Amino acid sequence: MISKDMSITDIVDNYPETVEVFIQSGMHCFGCMAARFENVEQGALAHGIDVDKLIEDLNNAVTVSK
């Protein structure tokens, strides 16, 4: 399960199916240097994205792909 405190890079590395969710949410920075140090909550807040909705969408993407 993906949580707010997980790093963006770890999520993308472990769950590549989440890339599309990040792109659709407007978080195109999953490949940038900041993504290595920011967790999902920090990144979402920096981009004005609803953190809870993003987490829900990321977890749905992982669940659907299994």
PDB file of N, CA and C in Angstrom:
ATOM      1  N   MET A   1       0.843  -1.179   0.000  1.00  0.00           N
ATOM      2  CA  MET A   1       0.000   0.000   0.000  1.00  0.00           C
ATOM      3  C   MET A   1       0.891   1.246   0.000  1.00  0.00           C
ATOM      4  N   ILE A   2       0.548   2.191  -0.838  1.00  0.00           N
ATOM      5  CA  ILE A   2       1.296   3.438  -0.955  1.00  0.00           C
ATOM      6  C   ILE A   2       0.781   4.421   0.090  1.00  0.00           C
ATOM      7  N   SER A   3       1.717   5.103   0.750  1.00  0.00           N
ATOM      8  CA  SER A   3       1.341   6.075   1.775  1.00  0.00           C
ATOM      9  C   SER A   3       2.006   7.422   1.489  1.00  0.00           C
ATOM     10  N   LYS A   4       1.531   8.455   2.172  1.00  0.00           N
ATOM     11  CA  LYS A   4       1.997   9.827   1.964  1.00  0.00           C
ATOM     12  C   LYS A   4       3.481  10.003   2.245  1.00  0.00           C
ATOM     13  N   ASP A   5       4.026   9.190   3.126  1.00  0.00           N
ATOM     14  CA  ASP A   5       5.412   9.376   3.532  1.00  0.00           C
ATOM     15  C   ASP A   5       6.418   8.618   2.665  1.00  0.00           C
ATOM     16  N   MET A   6       5.941   7.926   1.646  1.00  0.00           N
ATOM     17  CA  MET A   6       6.843   7.197   0.749  1.00  0.00           C
ATOM     18  C   MET A   6       7.465   8.158  -0.254  1.00  0.00           C
ATOM     19  N   SER A   7       8.719   7.891  -0.625  1.00  0.00           N
ATOM     20  CA  SER A   7       9.368   8.755  -1.613  1.00  0.00           C
ATOM     21  C   SER A   7       8.764   8.505  -2.993  1.00  0.00           C
ATOM     22  N   ILE A   8       8.723   9.558  -3.764  1.00  0.00           N
ATOM     23  CA  ILE A   8       8.161   9.475  -5.117  1.00  0.00           C
ATOM     24  C   ILE A   8       8.969   8.484  -5.957  1.00  0.00           C
ATOM     25  N   THR A   9      10.284   8.559  -5.845  1.00  0.00           N
ATOM     26  CA  THR A   9      11.155   7.662  -6.609  1.00  0.00           C
ATOM     27  C   THR A   9      10.923   6.203  -6.235  1.00  0.00           C
ATOM     28  N   ASP A  10      10.784   5.921  -4.952  1.00  0.00           N
ATOM     29  CA  ASP A  10      10.533   4.539  -4.523  1.00  0.00           C
ATOM     30  C   ASP A  10       9.219   4.017  -5.088  1.00  0.00           C
ATOM     31  N   ILE A  11       8.213   4.867  -5.108  1.00  0.00           N
ATOM     32  CA  ILE A  11       6.913   4.455  -5.636  1.00  0.00           C
ATOM     33  C   ILE A  11       7.024   4.109  -7.112  1.00  0.00           C
ATOM     34  N   VAL A  12       7.639   5.002  -7.882  1.00  0.00           N
ATOM     35  CA  VAL A  12       7.771   4.769  -9.329  1.00  0.00           C
ATOM     36  C   VAL A  12       8.643   3.549  -9.610  1.00  0.00           C
ATOM     37  N   ASP A  13       9.713   3.386  -8.833  1.00  0.00           N
ATOM     38  CA  ASP A  13      10.591   2.225  -9.036  1.00  0.00           C
ATOM     39  C   ASP A  13       9.883   0.910  -8.713  1.00  0.00           C
ATOM     40  N   ASN A  14       9.113   0.889  -7.648  1.00  0.00           N
ATOM     41  CA  ASN A  14       8.441  -0.336  -7.207  1.00  0.00           C
ATOM     42  C   ASN A  14       7.106  -0.581  -7.898  1.00  0.00           C
ATOM     43  N   TYR A  15       6.472   0.491  -8.342  1.00  0.00           N
ATOM     44  CA  TYR A  15       5.148   0.391  -8.970  1.00  0.00           C
ATOM     45  C   TYR A  15       5.125   1.249 -10.240  1.00  0.00           C
ATOM     46  N   PRO A  16       5.740   0.790 -11.316  1.00  0.00           N
ATOM     47  CA  PRO A  16       5.801   1.593 -12.540  1.00  0.00           C
ATOM     48  C   PRO A  16       4.432   1.959 -13.106  1.00  0.00           C
ATOM     49  N   GLU A  17       3.428   1.207 -12.736  1.00  0.00           N
ATOM     50  CA  GLU A  17       2.078   1.509 -13.214  1.00  0.00           C
ATOM     51  C   GLU A  17       1.543   2.819 -12.634  1.00  0.00           C
ATOM     52  N   THR A  18       2.240   3.397 -11.652  1.00  0.00           N
ATOM     53  CA  THR A  18       1.797   4.661 -11.052  1.00  0.00           C
ATOM     54  C   THR A  18       2.247   5.884 -11.852  1.00  0.00           C
ATOM     55  N   VAL A  19       3.152   5.692 -12.795  1.00  0.00           N
ATOM     56  CA  VAL A  19       3.663   6.831 -13.581  1.00  0.00           C
ATOM     57  C   VAL A  19       2.507   7.589 -14.229  1.00  0.00           C
ATOM     58  N   GLU A  20       1.588   6.873 -14.819  1.00  0.00           N
ATOM     59  CA  GLU A  20       0.451   7.516 -15.494  1.00  0.00           C
ATOM     60  C   GLU A  20      -0.385   8.331 -14.508  1.00  0.00           C
ATOM     61  N   VAL A  21      -0.547   7.846 -13.293  1.00  0.00           N
ATOM     62  CA  VAL A  21      -1.310   8.575 -12.272  1.00  0.00           C
ATOM     63  C   VAL A  21      -0.603   9.880 -11.934  1.00  0.00           C
ATOM     64  N   PHE A  22       0.712   9.826 -11.752  1.00  0.00           N
ATOM     65  CA  PHE A  22       1.464  11.053 -11.476  1.00  0.00           C
ATOM     66  C   PHE A  22       1.300  12.053 -12.619  1.00  0.00           C
ATOM     67  N   ILE A  23       1.410  11.579 -13.849  1.00  0.00           N
ATOM     68  CA  ILE A  23       1.283  12.468 -15.013  1.00  0.00           C
ATOM     69  C   ILE A  23      -0.106  13.080 -15.075  1.00  0.00           C
ATOM     70  N   GLN A  24      -1.138  12.266 -14.921  1.00  0.00           N
ATOM     71  CA  GLN A  24      -2.513  12.761 -14.989  1.00  0.00           C
ATOM     72  C   GLN A  24      -2.837  13.743 -13.873  1.00  0.00           C
ATOM     73  N   SER A  25      -2.171  13.610 -12.744  1.00  0.00           N
ATOM     74  CA  SER A  25      -2.447  14.511 -11.618  1.00  0.00           C
ATOM     75  C   SER A  25      -1.715  15.835 -11.757  1.00  0.00           C
ATOM     76  N   GLY A  26      -0.793  15.923 -12.706  1.00  0.00           N
ATOM     77  CA  GLY A  26      -0.032  17.149 -12.897  1.00  0.00           C
ATOM     78  C   GLY A  26       1.332  17.115 -12.230  1.00  0.00           C
ATOM     79  N   MET A  27       1.702  15.976 -11.684  1.00  0.00           N
ATOM     80  CA  MET A  27       3.016  15.820 -11.053  1.00  0.00           C
ATOM     81  C   MET A  27       3.956  15.155 -12.039  1.00  0.00           C
ATOM     82  N   HIS A  28       4.569  15.974 -12.879  1.00  0.00           N
ATOM     83  CA  HIS A  28       5.467  15.452 -13.902  1.00  0.00           C
ATOM     84  C   HIS A  28       6.896  15.353 -13.397  1.00  0.00           C
ATOM     85  N   CYS A  29       7.103  15.656 -12.141  1.00  0.00           N
ATOM     86  CA  CYS A  29       8.455  15.740 -11.593  1.00  0.00           C
ATOM     87  C   CYS A  29       8.955  14.416 -11.034  1.00  0.00           C
ATOM     88  N   PHE A  30       8.261  13.329 -11.289  1.00  0.00           N
ATOM     89  CA  PHE A  30       8.671  12.057 -10.691  1.00  0.00           C
ATOM     90  C   PHE A  30      10.067  11.640 -11.143  1.00  0.00           C
ATOM     91  N   GLY A  31      10.573  12.221 -12.202  1.00  0.00           N
ATOM     92  CA  GLY A  31      11.916  11.894 -12.672  1.00  0.00           C
ATOM     93  C   GLY A  31      12.972  12.917 -12.284  1.00  0.00           C
ATOM     94  N   CYS A  32      12.584  13.982 -11.610  1.00  0.00           N
ATOM     95  CA  CYS A  32      13.547  15.036 -11.274  1.00  0.00           C
ATOM     96  C   CYS A  32      14.290  14.709  -9.979  1.00  0.00           C
ATOM     97  N   MET A  33      15.315  15.472  -9.716  1.00  0.00           N
ATOM     98  CA  MET A  33      16.138  15.240  -8.523  1.00  0.00           C
ATOM     99  C   MET A  33      15.343  15.390  -7.228  1.00  0.00           C
ATOM    100  N   ALA A  34      14.415  16.324  -7.185  1.00  0.00           N
ATOM    101  CA  ALA A  34      13.628  16.540  -5.962  1.00  0.00           C
ATOM    102  C   ALA A  34      12.817  15.299  -5.605  1.00  0.00           C
ATOM    103  N   ALA A  35      12.414  14.543  -6.600  1.00  0.00           N
ATOM    104  CA  ALA A  35      11.607  13.345  -6.352  1.00  0.00           C
ATOM    105  C   ALA A  35      12.363  12.316  -5.520  1.00  0.00           C
ATOM    106  N   ARG A  36      13.665  12.365  -5.553  1.00  0.00           N
ATOM    107  CA  ARG A  36      14.473  11.420  -4.770  1.00  0.00           C
ATOM    108  C   ARG A  36      14.407  11.735  -3.275  1.00  0.00           C
ATOM    109  N   PHE A  37      14.145  12.996  -2.966  1.00  0.00           N
ATOM    110  CA  PHE A  37      14.179  13.424  -1.567  1.00  0.00           C
ATOM    111  C   PHE A  37      12.803  13.762  -1.008  1.00  0.00           C
ATOM    112  N   GLU A  38      11.849  14.030  -1.885  1.00  0.00           N
ATOM    113  CA  GLU A  38      10.506  14.386  -1.438  1.00  0.00           C
ATOM    114  C   GLU A  38       9.640  13.150  -1.299  1.00  0.00           C
ATOM    115  N   ASN A  39       8.756  13.202  -0.312  1.00  0.00           N
ATOM    116  CA  ASN A  39       7.754  12.152  -0.256  1.00  0.00           C
ATOM    117  C   ASN A  39       6.541  12.619  -1.056  1.00  0.00           C
ATOM    118  N   VAL A  40       5.571  11.758  -1.212  1.00  0.00           N
ATOM    119  CA  VAL A  40       4.400  12.083  -2.035  1.00  0.00           C
ATOM    120  C   VAL A  40       3.676  13.308  -1.496  1.00  0.00           C
ATOM    121  N   GLU A  41       3.531  13.380  -0.186  1.00  0.00           N
ATOM    122  CA  GLU A  41       2.815  14.509   0.401  1.00  0.00           C
ATOM    123  C   GLU A  41       3.521  15.828   0.092  1.00  0.00           C
ATOM    124  N   GLN A  42       4.813  15.879   0.252  1.00  0.00           N
ATOM    125  CA  GLN A  42       5.568  17.103  -0.026  1.00  0.00           C
ATOM    126  C   GLN A  42       5.439  17.504  -1.493  1.00  0.00           C
ATOM    127  N   GLY A  43       5.579  16.542  -2.377  1.00  0.00           N
ATOM    128  CA  GLY A  43       5.471  16.826  -3.803  1.00  0.00           C
ATOM    129  C   GLY A  43       4.089  17.298  -4.198  1.00  0.00           C
ATOM    130  N   ALA A  44       3.077  16.642  -3.663  1.00  0.00           N
ATOM    131  CA  ALA A  44       1.698  17.025  -3.979  1.00  0.00           C
ATOM    132  C   ALA A  44       1.392  18.431  -3.464  1.00  0.00           C
ATOM    133  N   LEU A  45       1.807  18.721  -2.247  1.00  0.00           N
ATOM    134  CA  LEU A  45       1.565  20.049  -1.686  1.00  0.00           C
ATOM    135  C   LEU A  45       2.281  21.122  -2.490  1.00  0.00           C
ATOM    136  N   ALA A  46       3.485  20.841  -2.965  1.00  0.00           N
ATOM    137  CA  ALA A  46       4.238  21.803  -3.765  1.00  0.00           C
ATOM    138  C   ALA A  46       3.543  22.110  -5.086  1.00  0.00           C
ATOM    139  N   HIS A  47       2.750  21.151  -5.570  1.00  0.00           N
ATOM    140  CA  HIS A  47       2.061  21.319  -6.846  1.00  0.00           C
ATOM    141  C   HIS A  47       0.575  21.627  -6.686  1.00  0.00           C
ATOM    142  N   GLY A  48       0.122  21.808  -5.461  1.00  0.00           N
ATOM    143  CA  GLY A  48      -1.288  22.127  -5.225  1.00  0.00           C
ATOM    144  C   GLY A  48      -2.227  20.979  -5.537  1.00  0.00           C
ATOM    145  N   ILE A  49      -1.773  19.763  -5.314  1.00  0.00           N
ATOM    146  CA  ILE A  49      -2.550  18.569  -5.620  1.00  0.00           C
ATOM    147  C   ILE A  49      -3.141  18.007  -4.335  1.00  0.00           C
ATOM    148  N   ASP A  50      -4.380  17.543  -4.413  1.00  0.00           N
ATOM    149  CA  ASP A  50      -5.055  16.916  -3.275  1.00  0.00           C
ATOM    150  C   ASP A  50      -4.326  15.611  -2.939  1.00  0.00           C
ATOM    151  N   VAL A  51      -3.629  15.609  -1.816  1.00  0.00           N
ATOM    152  CA  VAL A  51      -2.788  14.479  -1.419  1.00  0.00           C
ATOM    153  C   VAL A  51      -3.607  13.203  -1.235  1.00  0.00           C
ATOM    154  N   ASP A  52      -4.733  13.304  -0.551  1.00  0.00           N
ATOM    155  CA  ASP A  52      -5.542  12.112  -0.286  1.00  0.00           C
ATOM    156  C   ASP A  52      -6.069  11.495  -1.574  1.00  0.00           C
ATOM    157  N   LYS A  53      -6.484  12.329  -2.509  1.00  0.00           N
ATOM    158  CA  LYS A  53      -6.978  11.831  -3.800  1.00  0.00           C
ATOM    159  C   LYS A  53      -5.842  11.176  -4.583  1.00  0.00           C
ATOM    160  N   LEU A  54      -4.672  11.781  -4.540  1.00  0.00           N
ATOM    161  CA  LEU A  54      -3.523  11.208  -5.237  1.00  0.00           C
ATOM    162  C   LEU A  54      -3.164   9.834  -4.669  1.00  0.00           C
ATOM    163  N   ILE A  55      -3.121   9.724  -3.359  1.00  0.00           N
ATOM    164  CA  ILE A  55      -2.814   8.438  -2.721  1.00  0.00           C
ATOM    165  C   ILE A  55      -3.851   7.396  -3.110  1.00  0.00           C
ATOM    166  N   GLU A  56      -5.107   7.792  -3.104  1.00  0.00           N
ATOM    167  CA  GLU A  56      -6.178   6.868  -3.504  1.00  0.00           C
ATOM    168  C   GLU A  56      -5.973   6.393  -4.941  1.00  0.00           C
ATOM    169  N   ASP A  57      -5.681   7.333  -5.843  1.00  0.00           N
ATOM    170  CA  ASP A  57      -5.482   6.984  -7.251  1.00  0.00           C
ATOM    171  C   ASP A  57      -4.248   6.097  -7.450  1.00  0.00           C
ATOM    172  N   LEU A  58      -3.180   6.388  -6.711  1.00  0.00           N
ATOM    173  CA  LEU A  58      -1.965   5.576  -6.823  1.00  0.00           C
ATOM    174  C   LEU A  58      -2.233   4.145  -6.361  1.00  0.00           C
ATOM    175  N   ASN A  59      -2.918   4.008  -5.235  1.00  0.00           N
ATOM    176  CA  ASN A  59      -3.232   2.671  -4.731  1.00  0.00           C
ATOM    177  C   ASN A  59      -4.191   1.933  -5.644  1.00  0.00           C
ATOM    178  N   ASN A  60      -5.126   2.639  -6.256  1.00  0.00           N
ATOM    179  CA  ASN A  60      -6.036   2.011  -7.208  1.00  0.00           C
ATOM    180  C   ASN A  60      -5.266   1.488  -8.424  1.00  0.00           C
ATOM    181  N   ALA A  61      -4.284   2.242  -8.877  1.00  0.00           N
ATOM    182  CA  ALA A  61      -3.486   1.820 -10.036  1.00  0.00           C
ATOM    183  C   ALA A  61      -2.712   0.543  -9.711  1.00  0.00           C
ATOM    184  N   VAL A  62      -2.192   0.454  -8.514  1.00  0.00           N
ATOM    185  CA  VAL A  62      -1.444  -0.728  -8.099  1.00  0.00           C
ATOM    186  C   VAL A  62      -2.371  -1.922  -7.965  1.00  0.00           C
ATOM    187  N   THR A  63      -3.541  -1.723  -7.388  1.00  0.00           N
ATOM    188  CA  THR A  63      -4.513  -2.794  -7.187  1.00  0.00           C
ATOM    189  C   THR A  63      -5.023  -3.346  -8.520  1.00  0.00           C
ATOM    190  N   VAL A  64      -5.304  -2.443  -9.458  1.00  0.00           N
ATOM    191  CA  VAL A  64      -5.845  -2.844 -10.758  1.00  0.00           C
ATOM    192  C   VAL A  64      -4.818  -3.664 -11.537  1.00  0.00           C
ATOM    193  N   SER A  65      -3.546  -3.320 -11.381  1.00  0.00           N
ATOM    194  CA  SER A  65      -2.509  -4.007 -12.168  1.00  0.00           C
ATOM    195  C   SER A  65      -2.195  -5.405 -11.658  1.00  0.00           C
ATOM    196  N   LYS A  66      -2.630  -5.741 -10.460  1.00  0.00           N
ATOM    197  CA  LYS A  66      -2.337  -7.075  -9.896  1.00  0.00           C
ATOM    198  C   LYS A  66      -3.259  -8.132 -10.422  1.00  0.00           C
TER     199      LYS A  66
END
